[in-house]
PDB file of N, CA and C in Angstrom:
ATOM      1  N   UNK A   1     -62.485 121.980  26.852  1.00  0.00           N
ATOM      2  CA  UNK A   1     -62.039 122.870  25.800  1.00  0.00           C
ATOM      3  C   UNK A   1     -62.940 122.670  24.589  1.00  0.00           C
ATOM      4  N   UNK A   2     -63.332 123.746  23.972  1.00  0.00           N
ATOM      5  CA  UNK A   2     -64.221 123.651  22.817  1.00  0.00           C
ATOM      6  C   UNK A   2     -63.465 123.148  21.596  1.00  0.00           C
ATOM      7  N   UNK A   3     -64.219 122.679  20.631  1.00  0.00           N
ATOM      8  CA  UNK A   3     -63.615 122.162  19.398  1.00  0.00           C
ATOM      9  C   UNK A   3     -62.856 123.267  18.665  1.00  0.00           C
ATOM     10  N   UNK A   4     -63.376 124.479  18.690  1.00  0.00           N
ATOM     11  CA  UNK A   4     -62.712 125.599  18.035  1.00  0.00           C
ATOM     12  C   UNK A   4     -61.372 125.900  18.697  1.00  0.00           C
ATOM     13  N   UNK A   5     -61.338 125.896  20.017  1.00  0.00           N
ATOM     14  CA  UNK A   5     -60.080 126.153  20.726  1.00  0.00           C
ATOM     15  C   UNK A   5     -59.081 125.041  20.456  1.00  0.00           C
ATOM     16  N   UNK A   6     -59.550 123.806  20.370  1.00  0.00           N
ATOM     17  CA  UNK A   6     -58.664 122.685  20.069  1.00  0.00           C
ATOM     18  C   UNK A   6     -58.072 122.828  18.667  1.00  0.00           C
ATOM     19  N   UNK A   7     -58.909 123.250  17.720  1.00  0.00           N
ATOM     20  CA  UNK A   7     -58.430 123.467  16.355  1.00  0.00           C
ATOM     21  C   UNK A   7     -57.434 124.605  16.282  1.00  0.00           C
ATOM     22  N   UNK A   8     -57.673 125.648  17.061  1.00  0.00           N
ATOM     23  CA  UNK A   8     -56.752 126.782  17.095  1.00  0.00           C
ATOM     24  C   UNK A   8     -55.408 126.357  17.680  1.00  0.00           C
ATOM     25  N   UNK A   9     -55.445 125.549  18.734  1.00  0.00           N
ATOM     26  CA  UNK A   9     -54.196 125.081  19.351  1.00  0.00           C
ATOM     27  C   UNK A   9     -53.392 124.245  18.356  1.00  0.00           C
ATOM     28  N   UNK A  10     -54.065 123.361  17.623  1.00  0.00           N
ATOM     29  CA  UNK A  10     -53.378 122.548  16.619  1.00  0.00           C
ATOM     30  C   UNK A  10     -52.794 123.439  15.526  1.00  0.00           C
ATOM     31  N   UNK A  11     -53.537 124.449  15.118  1.00  0.00           N
ATOM     32  CA  UNK A  11     -53.074 125.364  14.078  1.00  0.00           C
ATOM     33  C   UNK A  11     -51.816 126.106  14.537  1.00  0.00           C
ATOM     34  N   UNK A  12     -51.839 126.597  15.780  1.00  0.00           N
ATOM     35  CA  UNK A  12     -50.683 127.326  16.321  1.00  0.00           C
ATOM     36  C   UNK A  12     -49.478 126.394  16.446  1.00  0.00           C
ATOM     37  N   UNK A  13     -49.686 125.182  16.962  1.00  0.00           N
ATOM     38  CA  UNK A  13     -48.584 124.223  17.084  1.00  0.00           C
ATOM     39  C   UNK A  13     -47.992 123.891  15.720  1.00  0.00           C
ATOM     40  N   UNK A  14     -48.845 123.757  14.712  1.00  0.00           N
ATOM     41  CA  UNK A  14     -48.375 123.464  13.355  1.00  0.00           C
ATOM     42  C   UNK A  14     -47.465 124.588  12.866  1.00  0.00           C
ATOM     43  N   UNK A  15     -47.833 125.826  13.139  1.00  0.00           N
ATOM     44  CA  UNK A  15     -47.024 126.971  12.690  1.00  0.00           C
ATOM     45  C   UNK A  15     -45.717 127.075  13.469  1.00  0.00           C
ATOM     46  N   UNK A  16     -45.769 126.839  14.773  1.00  0.00           N
ATOM     47  CA  UNK A  16     -44.549 126.906  15.590  1.00  0.00           C
ATOM     48  C   UNK A  16     -43.557 125.831  15.158  1.00  0.00           C
ATOM     49  N   UNK A  17     -44.049 124.609  14.964  1.00  0.00           N
ATOM     50  CA  UNK A  17     -43.145 123.536  14.541  1.00  0.00           C
ATOM     51  C   UNK A  17     -42.597 123.813  13.146  1.00  0.00           C
ATOM     52  N   UNK A  18     -43.410 124.388  12.267  1.00  0.00           N
ATOM     53  CA  UNK A  18     -42.932 124.704  10.917  1.00  0.00           C
ATOM     54  C   UNK A  18     -41.796 125.722  10.967  1.00  0.00           C
ATOM     55  N   UNK A  19     -41.916 126.711  11.837  1.00  0.00           N
ATOM     56  CA  UNK A  19     -40.861 127.722  11.964  1.00  0.00           C
ATOM     57  C   UNK A  19     -39.570 127.077  12.458  1.00  0.00           C
ATOM     58  N   UNK A  20     -39.658 126.242  13.496  1.00  0.00           N
ATOM     59  CA  UNK A  20     -38.451 125.599  14.021  1.00  0.00           C
ATOM     60  C   UNK A  20     -37.836 124.669  12.977  1.00  0.00           C
ATOM     61  N   UNK A  21     -38.673 123.893  12.292  1.00  0.00           N
ATOM     62  CA  UNK A  21     -38.169 122.984  11.267  1.00  0.00           C
ATOM     63  C   UNK A  21     -37.456 123.757  10.162  1.00  0.00           C
ATOM     64  N   UNK A  22     -38.034 124.852   9.748  1.00  0.00           N
ATOM     65  CA  UNK A  22     -37.414 125.658   8.703  1.00  0.00           C
ATOM     66  C   UNK A  22     -36.093 126.269   9.137  1.00  0.00           C
ATOM     67  N   UNK A  23     -36.058 126.826  10.337  1.00  0.00           N
ATOM     68  CA  UNK A  23     -34.824 127.457  10.826  1.00  0.00           C
ATOM     69  C   UNK A  23     -33.701 126.441  11.013  1.00  0.00           C
ATOM     70  N   UNK A  24     -34.027 125.287  11.584  1.00  0.00           N
ATOM     71  CA  UNK A  24     -32.994 124.276  11.813  1.00  0.00           C
ATOM     72  C   UNK A  24     -32.494 123.706  10.487  1.00  0.00           C
ATOM     73  N   UNK A  25     -33.398 123.532   9.528  1.00  0.00           N
ATOM     74  CA  UNK A  25     -32.994 123.051   8.210  1.00  0.00           C
ATOM     75  C   UNK A  25     -32.063 124.055   7.540  1.00  0.00           C
ATOM     76  N   UNK A  26     -32.380 125.342   7.639  1.00  0.00           N
ATOM     77  CA  UNK A  26     -31.497 126.367   7.078  1.00  0.00           C
ATOM     78  C   UNK A  26     -30.131 126.354   7.754  1.00  0.00           C
ATOM     79  N   UNK A  27     -30.106 126.131   9.061  1.00  0.00           N
ATOM     80  CA  UNK A  27     -28.843 126.046   9.794  1.00  0.00           C
ATOM     81  C   UNK A  27     -28.002 124.873   9.280  1.00  0.00           C
ATOM     82  N   UNK A  28     -28.636 123.716   9.106  1.00  0.00           N
ATOM     83  CA  UNK A  28     -27.899 122.558   8.595  1.00  0.00           C
ATOM     84  C   UNK A  28     -27.412 122.788   7.170  1.00  0.00           C
ATOM     85  N   UNK A  29     -28.228 123.424   6.350  1.00  0.00           N
ATOM     86  CA  UNK A  29     -27.798 123.751   4.988  1.00  0.00           C
ATOM     87  C   UNK A  29     -26.607 124.702   5.008  1.00  0.00           C
ATOM     88  N   UNK A  30     -26.632 125.679   5.900  1.00  0.00           N
ATOM     89  CA  UNK A  30     -25.507 126.610   6.019  1.00  0.00           C
ATOM     90  C   UNK A  30     -24.239 125.873   6.432  1.00  0.00           C
ATOM     91  N   UNK A  31     -24.369 124.904   7.341  1.00  0.00           N
ATOM     92  CA  UNK A  31     -23.201 124.115   7.737  1.00  0.00           C
ATOM     93  C   UNK A  31     -22.639 123.332   6.559  1.00  0.00           C
ATOM     94  N   UNK A  32     -23.528 122.746   5.768  1.00  0.00           N
ATOM     95  CA  UNK A  32     -23.068 121.963   4.618  1.00  0.00           C
ATOM     96  C   UNK A  32     -22.426 122.848   3.561  1.00  0.00           C
ATOM     97  N   UNK A  33     -23.005 124.011   3.320  1.00  0.00           N
ATOM     98  CA  UNK A  33     -22.474 124.904   2.296  1.00  0.00           C
ATOM     99  C   UNK A  33     -21.183 125.587   2.733  1.00  0.00           C
ATOM    100  N   UNK A  34     -20.939 125.652   4.042  1.00  0.00           N
ATOM    101  CA  UNK A  34     -19.712 126.272   4.543  1.00  0.00           C
ATOM    102  C   UNK A  34     -18.489 125.454   4.158  1.00  0.00           C
ATOM    103  N   UNK A  35     -18.689 124.184   3.847  1.00  0.00           N
ATOM    104  CA  UNK A  35     -17.592 123.337   3.410  1.00  0.00           C
ATOM    105  C   UNK A  35     -16.774 122.799   4.568  1.00  0.00           C
ATOM    106  N   UNK A  36     -15.949 121.833   4.272  1.00  0.00           N
ATOM    107  CA  UNK A  36     -15.087 121.243   5.279  1.00  0.00           C
ATOM    108  C   UNK A  36     -15.800 120.295   6.219  1.00  0.00           C
ATOM    109  N   UNK A  37     -17.028 119.966   5.920  1.00  0.00           N
ATOM    110  CA  UNK A  37     -17.802 119.099   6.803  1.00  0.00           C
ATOM    111  C   UNK A  37     -18.246 117.842   6.059  1.00  0.00           C
ATOM    112  N   UNK A  38     -17.422 117.375   5.162  1.00  0.00           N
ATOM    113  CA  UNK A  38     -17.849 116.289   4.304  1.00  0.00           C
ATOM    114  C   UNK A  38     -17.682 114.892   4.861  1.00  0.00           C
ATOM    115  N   UNK A  39     -16.830 114.708   5.844  1.00  0.00           N
ATOM    116  CA  UNK A  39     -16.593 113.339   6.290  1.00  0.00           C
ATOM    117  C   UNK A  39     -17.529 112.951   7.434  1.00  0.00           C
ATOM    118  N   UNK A  40     -17.714 111.662   7.563  1.00  0.00           N
ATOM    119  CA  UNK A  40     -18.639 111.098   8.537  1.00  0.00           C
ATOM    120  C   UNK A  40     -18.217 111.426   9.962  1.00  0.00           C
ATOM    121  N   UNK A  41     -16.933 111.366  10.236  1.00  0.00           N
ATOM    122  CA  UNK A  41     -16.430 111.618  11.588  1.00  0.00           C
ATOM    123  C   UNK A  41     -16.782 113.031  12.060  1.00  0.00           C
ATOM    124  N   UNK A  42     -16.651 114.010  11.184  1.00  0.00           N
ATOM    125  CA  UNK A  42     -16.983 115.385  11.566  1.00  0.00           C
ATOM    126  C   UNK A  42     -18.465 115.509  11.920  1.00  0.00           C
ATOM    127  N   UNK A  43     -19.333 114.924  11.111  1.00  0.00           N
ATOM    128  CA  UNK A  43     -20.771 114.996  11.384  1.00  0.00           C
ATOM    129  C   UNK A  43     -21.124 114.261  12.667  1.00  0.00           C
ATOM    130  N   UNK A  44     -20.497 113.114  12.887  1.00  0.00           N
ATOM    131  CA  UNK A  44     -20.750 112.365  14.125  1.00  0.00           C
ATOM    132  C   UNK A  44     -20.338 113.198  15.331  1.00  0.00           C
ATOM    133  N   UNK A  45     -19.170 113.831  15.267  1.00  0.00           N
ATOM    134  CA  UNK A  45     -18.704 114.676  16.369  1.00  0.00           C
ATOM    135  C   UNK A  45     -19.605 115.898  16.563  1.00  0.00           C
ATOM    136  N   UNK A  46     -20.089 116.449  15.460  1.00  0.00           N
ATOM    137  CA  UNK A  46     -20.992 117.599  15.550  1.00  0.00           C
ATOM    138  C   UNK A  46     -22.280 117.219  16.275  1.00  0.00           C
ATOM    139  N   UNK A  47     -22.873 116.093  15.906  1.00  0.00           N
ATOM    140  CA  UNK A  47     -24.132 115.682  16.519  1.00  0.00           C
ATOM    141  C   UNK A  47     -23.934 115.077  17.903  1.00  0.00           C
ATOM    142  N   UNK A  48     -22.708 114.818  18.296  1.00  0.00           N
ATOM    143  CA  UNK A  48     -22.432 114.312  19.642  1.00  0.00           C
ATOM    144  C   UNK A  48     -22.348 115.445  20.666  1.00  0.00           C
ATOM    145  N   UNK A  49     -22.203 116.686  20.198  1.00  0.00           N
ATOM    146  CA  UNK A  49     -22.155 117.819  21.123  1.00  0.00           C
ATOM    147  C   UNK A  49     -23.517 117.981  21.798  1.00  0.00           C
ATOM    148  N   UNK A  50     -23.522 118.272  23.098  1.00  0.00           N
ATOM    149  CA  UNK A  50     -24.797 118.342  23.832  1.00  0.00           C
ATOM    150  C   UNK A  50     -25.809 119.324  23.235  1.00  0.00           C
ATOM    151  N   UNK A  51     -25.373 120.519  22.873  1.00  0.00           N
ATOM    152  CA  UNK A  51     -26.304 121.508  22.336  1.00  0.00           C
ATOM    153  C   UNK A  51     -26.896 121.042  21.009  1.00  0.00           C
ATOM    154  N   UNK A  52     -26.056 120.465  20.161  1.00  0.00           N
ATOM    155  CA  UNK A  52     -26.542 119.981  18.870  1.00  0.00           C
ATOM    156  C   UNK A  52     -27.464 118.781  19.055  1.00  0.00           C
ATOM    157  N   UNK A  53     -27.155 117.922  20.028  1.00  0.00           N
ATOM    158  CA  UNK A  53     -28.028 116.776  20.308  1.00  0.00           C
ATOM    159  C   UNK A  53     -29.407 117.239  20.757  1.00  0.00           C
ATOM    160  N   UNK A  54     -29.439 118.220  21.640  1.00  0.00           N
ATOM    161  CA  UNK A  54     -30.723 118.736  22.127  1.00  0.00           C
ATOM    162  C   UNK A  54     -31.484 119.411  20.984  1.00  0.00           C
ATOM    163  N   UNK A  55     -30.786 120.221  20.188  1.00  0.00           N
ATOM    164  CA  UNK A  55     -31.441 120.903  19.067  1.00  0.00           C
ATOM    165  C   UNK A  55     -31.978 119.897  18.054  1.00  0.00           C
ATOM    166  N   UNK A  56     -31.229 118.835  17.811  1.00  0.00           N
ATOM    167  CA  UNK A  56     -31.674 117.811  16.872  1.00  0.00           C
ATOM    168  C   UNK A  56     -32.837 117.017  17.445  1.00  0.00           C
ATOM    169  N   UNK A  57     -32.784 116.721  18.730  1.00  0.00           N
ATOM    170  CA  UNK A  57     -33.901 116.019  19.361  1.00  0.00           C
ATOM    171  C   UNK A  57     -35.164 116.883  19.315  1.00  0.00           C
ATOM    172  N   UNK A  58     -35.026 118.177  19.551  1.00  0.00           N
ATOM    173  CA  UNK A  58     -36.170 119.088  19.415  1.00  0.00           C
ATOM    174  C   UNK A  58     -36.679 119.112  17.976  1.00  0.00           C
ATOM    175  N   UNK A  59     -35.765 119.038  17.018  1.00  0.00           N
ATOM    176  CA  UNK A  59     -36.138 118.990  15.607  1.00  0.00           C
ATOM    177  C   UNK A  59     -36.972 117.746  15.323  1.00  0.00           C
ATOM    178  N   UNK A  60     -36.513 116.612  15.823  1.00  0.00           N
ATOM    179  CA  UNK A  60     -37.242 115.358  15.606  1.00  0.00           C
ATOM    180  C   UNK A  60     -38.616 115.426  16.262  1.00  0.00           C
ATOM    181  N   UNK A  61     -38.677 115.924  17.494  1.00  0.00           N
ATOM    182  CA  UNK A  61     -39.968 116.046  18.177  1.00  0.00           C
ATOM    183  C   UNK A  61     -40.900 117.004  17.438  1.00  0.00           C
ATOM    184  N   UNK A  62     -40.360 118.115  16.955  1.00  0.00           N
ATOM    185  CA  UNK A  62     -41.176 119.064  16.190  1.00  0.00           C
ATOM    186  C   UNK A  62     -41.668 118.429  14.894  1.00  0.00           C
ATOM    187  N   UNK A  63     -40.798 117.665  14.242  1.00  0.00           N
ATOM    188  CA  UNK A  63     -41.182 116.987  13.005  1.00  0.00           C
ATOM    189  C   UNK A  63     -42.287 115.968  13.258  1.00  0.00           C
ATOM    190  N   UNK A  64     -42.150 115.204  14.337  1.00  0.00           N
ATOM    191  CA  UNK A  64     -43.169 114.203  14.667  1.00  0.00           C
ATOM    192  C   UNK A  64     -44.499 114.866  15.019  1.00  0.00           C
ATOM    193  N   UNK A  65     -44.455 115.934  15.797  1.00  0.00           N
ATOM    194  CA  UNK A  65     -45.680 116.645  16.156  1.00  0.00           C
ATOM    195  C   UNK A  65     -46.327 117.267  14.921  1.00  0.00           C
ATOM    196  N   UNK A  66     -45.513 117.860  14.069  1.00  0.00           N
ATOM    197  CA  UNK A  66     -45.998 118.472  12.834  1.00  0.00           C
ATOM    198  C   UNK A  66     -46.669 117.414  11.948  1.00  0.00           C
ATOM    199  N   UNK A  67     -46.021 116.277  11.811  1.00  0.00           N
ATOM    200  CA  UNK A  67     -46.585 115.191  10.996  1.00  0.00           C
ATOM    201  C   UNK A  67     -47.872 114.653  11.611  1.00  0.00           C
ATOM    202  N   UNK A  68     -47.892 114.483  12.934  1.00  0.00           N
ATOM    203  CA  UNK A  68     -49.092 113.969  13.599  1.00  0.00           C
ATOM    204  C   UNK A  68     -50.283 114.904  13.387  1.00  0.00           C
ATOM    205  N   UNK A  69     -50.077 116.197  13.591  1.00  0.00           N
ATOM    206  CA  UNK A  69     -51.181 117.147  13.431  1.00  0.00           C
ATOM    207  C   UNK A  69     -51.688 117.128  11.992  1.00  0.00           C
ATOM    208  N   UNK A  70     -50.770 117.138  11.044  1.00  0.00           N
ATOM    209  CA  UNK A  70     -51.175 117.123   9.639  1.00  0.00           C
ATOM    210  C   UNK A  70     -51.922 115.856   9.253  1.00  0.00           C
ATOM    211  N   UNK A  71     -51.370 114.708   9.625  1.00  0.00           N
ATOM    212  CA  UNK A  71     -52.022 113.436   9.285  1.00  0.00           C
ATOM    213  C   UNK A  71     -53.351 113.288  10.019  1.00  0.00           C
ATOM    214  N   UNK A  72     -53.390 113.690  11.272  1.00  0.00           N
ATOM    215  CA  UNK A  72     -54.634 113.606  12.042  1.00  0.00           C
ATOM    216  C   UNK A  72     -55.729 114.440  11.393  1.00  0.00           C
ATOM    217  N   UNK A  73     -55.388 115.660  11.003  1.00  0.00           N
ATOM    218  CA  UNK A  73     -56.392 116.520  10.379  1.00  0.00           C
ATOM    219  C   UNK A  73     -56.888 115.949   9.058  1.00  0.00           C
ATOM    220  N   UNK A  74     -55.977 115.424   8.250  1.00  0.00           N
ATOM    221  CA  UNK A  74     -56.381 114.826   6.973  1.00  0.00           C
ATOM    222  C   UNK A  74     -57.289 113.624   7.209  1.00  0.00           C
ATOM    223  N   UNK A  75     -56.895 112.749   8.129  1.00  0.00           N
ATOM    224  CA  UNK A  75     -57.707 111.557   8.395  1.00  0.00           C
ATOM    225  C   UNK A  75     -59.066 111.920   8.990  1.00  0.00           C
ATOM    226  N   UNK A  76     -59.099 112.874   9.903  1.00  0.00           N
ATOM    227  CA  UNK A  76     -60.380 113.280  10.490  1.00  0.00           C
ATOM    228  C   UNK A  76     -61.294 113.937   9.461  1.00  0.00           C
ATOM    229  N   UNK A  77     -60.716 114.655   8.516  1.00  0.00           N
ATOM    230  CA  UNK A  77     -61.525 115.356   7.520  1.00  0.00           C
ATOM    231  C   UNK A  77     -62.007 114.449   6.390  1.00  0.00           C
ATOM    232  N   UNK A  78     -61.206 113.458   5.996  1.00  0.00           N
ATOM    233  CA  UNK A  78     -61.509 112.734   4.767  1.00  0.00           C
ATOM    234  C   UNK A  78     -61.843 111.261   4.934  1.00  0.00           C
ATOM    235  N   UNK A  79     -61.589 110.667   6.073  1.00  0.00           N
ATOM    236  CA  UNK A  79     -61.917 109.250   6.274  1.00  0.00           C
ATOM    237  C   UNK A  79     -63.189 109.188   7.111  1.00  0.00           C
ATOM    238  N   UNK A  80     -64.269 108.718   6.504  1.00  0.00           N
ATOM    239  CA  UNK A  80     -65.571 108.718   7.173  1.00  0.00           C
ATOM    240  C   UNK A  80     -65.821 107.505   8.068  1.00  0.00           C
ATOM    241  N   UNK A  81     -65.544 106.269   7.636  1.00  0.00           N
ATOM    242  CA  UNK A  81     -65.846 105.123   8.517  1.00  0.00           C
ATOM    243  C   UNK A  81     -65.010 105.195   9.802  1.00  0.00           C
ATOM    244  N   UNK A  82     -65.690 105.157  10.930  1.00  0.00           N
ATOM    245  CA  UNK A  82     -65.027 105.355  12.220  1.00  0.00           C
ATOM    246  C   UNK A  82     -63.942 104.314  12.483  1.00  0.00           C
ATOM    247  N   UNK A  83     -64.221 103.053  12.210  1.00  0.00           N
ATOM    248  CA  UNK A  83     -63.241 101.991  12.477  1.00  0.00           C
ATOM    249  C   UNK A  83     -61.978 102.189  11.639  1.00  0.00           C
ATOM    250  N   UNK A  84     -62.150 102.547  10.378  1.00  0.00           N
ATOM    251  CA  UNK A  84     -60.995 102.783   9.507  1.00  0.00           C
ATOM    252  C   UNK A  84     -60.217 104.004   9.985  1.00  0.00           C
ATOM    253  N   UNK A  85     -60.924 105.056  10.369  1.00  0.00           N
ATOM    254  CA  UNK A  85     -60.265 106.274  10.846  1.00  0.00           C
ATOM    255  C   UNK A  85     -59.432 105.988  12.093  1.00  0.00           C
ATOM    256  N   UNK A  86     -60.007 105.261  13.047  1.00  0.00           N
ATOM    257  CA  UNK A  86     -59.283 104.933  14.280  1.00  0.00           C
ATOM    258  C   UNK A  86     -58.087 104.044  13.973  1.00  0.00           C
ATOM    259  N   UNK A  87     -58.265 103.084  13.078  1.00  0.00           N
ATOM    260  CA  UNK A  87     -57.155 102.195  12.707  1.00  0.00           C
ATOM    261  C   UNK A  87     -56.019 102.971  12.058  1.00  0.00           C
ATOM    262  N   UNK A  88     -56.364 103.863  11.147  1.00  0.00           N
ATOM    263  CA  UNK A  88     -55.329 104.653  10.476  1.00  0.00           C
ATOM    264  C   UNK A  88     -54.636 105.610  11.439  1.00  0.00           C
ATOM    265  N   UNK A  89     -55.392 106.213  12.342  1.00  0.00           N
ATOM    266  CA  UNK A  89     -54.776 107.089  13.348  1.00  0.00           C
ATOM    267  C   UNK A  89     -53.811 106.308  14.233  1.00  0.00           C
ATOM    268  N   UNK A  90     -54.207 105.094  14.626  1.00  0.00           N
ATOM    269  CA  UNK A  90     -53.326 104.254  15.447  1.00  0.00           C
ATOM    270  C   UNK A  90     -52.075 103.872  14.664  1.00  0.00           C
ATOM    271  N   UNK A  91     -52.238 103.519  13.396  1.00  0.00           N
ATOM    272  CA  UNK A  91     -51.098 103.143  12.559  1.00  0.00           C
ATOM    273  C   UNK A  91     -50.121 104.309  12.403  1.00  0.00           C
ATOM    274  N   UNK A  92     -50.657 105.482  12.136  1.00  0.00           N
ATOM    275  CA  UNK A  92     -49.809 106.676  12.017  1.00  0.00           C
ATOM    276  C   UNK A  92     -49.113 106.958  13.345  1.00  0.00           C
ATOM    277  N   UNK A  93     -49.856 106.870  14.440  1.00  0.00           N
ATOM    278  CA  UNK A  93     -49.270 107.113  15.763  1.00  0.00           C
ATOM    279  C   UNK A  93     -48.140 106.152  16.082  1.00  0.00           C
ATOM    280  N   UNK A  94     -48.366 104.864  15.847  1.00  0.00           N
ATOM    281  CA  UNK A  94     -47.316 103.872  16.100  1.00  0.00           C
ATOM    282  C   UNK A  94     -46.109 104.105  15.199  1.00  0.00           C
ATOM    283  N   UNK A  95     -46.363 104.446  13.949  1.00  0.00           N
ATOM    284  CA  UNK A  95     -45.259 104.722  13.027  1.00  0.00           C
ATOM    285  C   UNK A  95     -44.429 105.914  13.464  1.00  0.00           C
ATOM    286  N   UNK A  96     -45.093 106.969  13.917  1.00  0.00           N
ATOM    287  CA  UNK A  96     -44.364 108.161  14.364  1.00  0.00           C
ATOM    288  C   UNK A  96     -43.584 107.891  15.648  1.00  0.00           C
ATOM    289  N   UNK A  97     -44.167 107.124  16.556  1.00  0.00           N
ATOM    290  CA  UNK A  97     -43.445 106.757  17.783  1.00  0.00           C
ATOM    291  C   UNK A  97     -42.216 105.927  17.429  1.00  0.00           C
ATOM    292  N   UNK A  98     -42.359 104.988  16.503  1.00  0.00           N
ATOM    293  CA  UNK A  98     -41.219 104.164  16.082  1.00  0.00           C
ATOM    294  C   UNK A  98     -40.120 105.031  15.470  1.00  0.00           C
ATOM    295  N   UNK A  99     -40.500 105.982  14.636  1.00  0.00           N
ATOM    296  CA  UNK A  99     -39.509 106.891  14.042  1.00  0.00           C
ATOM    297  C   UNK A  99     -38.821 107.734  15.115  1.00  0.00           C
ATOM    298  N   UNK A 100     -39.577 108.192  16.091  1.00  0.00           N
ATOM    299  CA  UNK A 100     -38.999 108.975  17.180  1.00  0.00           C
ATOM    300  C   UNK A 100     -38.013 108.174  18.002  1.00  0.00           C
ATOM    301  N   UNK A 101     -38.359 106.926  18.308  1.00  0.00           N
ATOM    302  CA  UNK A 101     -37.441 106.066  19.064  1.00  0.00           C
ATOM    303  C   UNK A 101     -36.179 105.773  18.266  1.00  0.00           C
ATOM    304  N   UNK A 102     -36.332 105.541  16.975  1.00  0.00           N
ATOM    305  CA  UNK A 102     -35.175 105.279  16.114  1.00  0.00           C
ATOM    306  C   UNK A 102     -34.246 106.498  16.079  1.00  0.00           C
ATOM    307  N   UNK A 103     -34.821 107.697  15.959  1.00  0.00           N
ATOM    308  CA  UNK A 103     -34.010 108.915  15.931  1.00  0.00           C
ATOM    309  C   UNK A 103     -33.311 109.140  17.269  1.00  0.00           C
ATOM    310  N   UNK A 104     -34.011 108.891  18.367  1.00  0.00           N
ATOM    311  CA  UNK A 104     -33.394 109.038  19.692  1.00  0.00           C
ATOM    312  C   UNK A 104     -32.246 108.052  19.860  1.00  0.00           C
ATOM    313  N   UNK A 105     -32.424 106.840  19.369  1.00  0.00           N
ATOM    314  CA  UNK A 105     -31.357 105.843  19.434  1.00  0.00           C
ATOM    315  C   UNK A 105     -30.147 106.303  18.620  1.00  0.00           C
ATOM    316  N   UNK A 106     -30.378 106.843  17.441  1.00  0.00           N
ATOM    317  CA  UNK A 106     -29.273 107.319  16.604  1.00  0.00           C
ATOM    318  C   UNK A 106     -28.511 108.443  17.296  1.00  0.00           C
ATOM    319  N   UNK A 107     -29.226 109.372  17.922  1.00  0.00           N
ATOM    320  CA  UNK A 107     -28.558 110.465  18.635  1.00  0.00           C
ATOM    321  C   UNK A 107     -27.780 109.950  19.838  1.00  0.00           C
ATOM    322  N   UNK A 108     -28.351 109.006  20.552  1.00  0.00           N
ATOM    323  CA  UNK A 108     -27.665 108.430  21.707  1.00  0.00           C
ATOM    324  C   UNK A 108     -26.405 107.691  21.275  1.00  0.00           C
ATOM    325  N   UNK A 109     -26.490 106.933  20.200  1.00  0.00           N
ATOM    326  CA  UNK A 109     -25.311 106.210  19.714  1.00  0.00           C
ATOM    327  C   UNK A 109     -24.236 107.170  19.221  1.00  0.00           C
ATOM    328  N   UNK A 110     -24.636 108.283  18.620  1.00  0.00           N
ATOM    329  CA  UNK A 110     -23.651 109.277  18.181  1.00  0.00           C
ATOM    330  C   UNK A 110     -22.903 109.843  19.381  1.00  0.00           C
ATOM    331  N   UNK A 111     -23.610 110.042  20.483  1.00  0.00           N
ATOM    332  CA  UNK A 111     -22.960 110.554  21.697  1.00  0.00           C
ATOM    333  C   UNK A 111     -22.043 109.511  22.311  1.00  0.00           C
ATOM    334  N   UNK A 112     -22.461 108.247  22.297  1.00  0.00           N
ATOM    335  CA  UNK A 112     -21.663 107.192  22.924  1.00  0.00           C
ATOM    336  C   UNK A 112     -20.408 106.865  22.130  1.00  0.00           C
ATOM    337  N   UNK A 113     -20.457 107.014  20.819  1.00  0.00           N
ATOM    338  CA  UNK A 113     -19.329 106.626  19.975  1.00  0.00           C
ATOM    339  C   UNK A 113     -18.402 107.783  19.637  1.00  0.00           C
ATOM    340  N   UNK A 114     -18.614 108.931  20.248  1.00  0.00           N
ATOM    341  CA  UNK A 114     -17.726 110.054  19.935  1.00  0.00           C
ATOM    342  C   UNK A 114     -16.556 110.097  20.888  1.00  0.00           C
TER     343      UNK A 114
END
């Protein structure tokens, strides 16, 4: 695959994830503004539902992919020393994987404790 096609794919993925992130955020805001959802138990039960768990997991994956593409592009464009660039990319990658695992654990625990 050419470099241009790779850049186009990253650009398209960035836009797709941005749309999903925006729509899901608006949905959560609508739930909060609807009222009656203020206690912890209600939110735990909401996120324990299978459809909401899948939608939230997709949200987390979209957020991680969106962050990876953005950080990767910034580091590739502005960090010149190769060793530093590779180190920073690895650090960002490990950090995003850790955040993803933490979010998956939180969703799993919400399902188990409901």
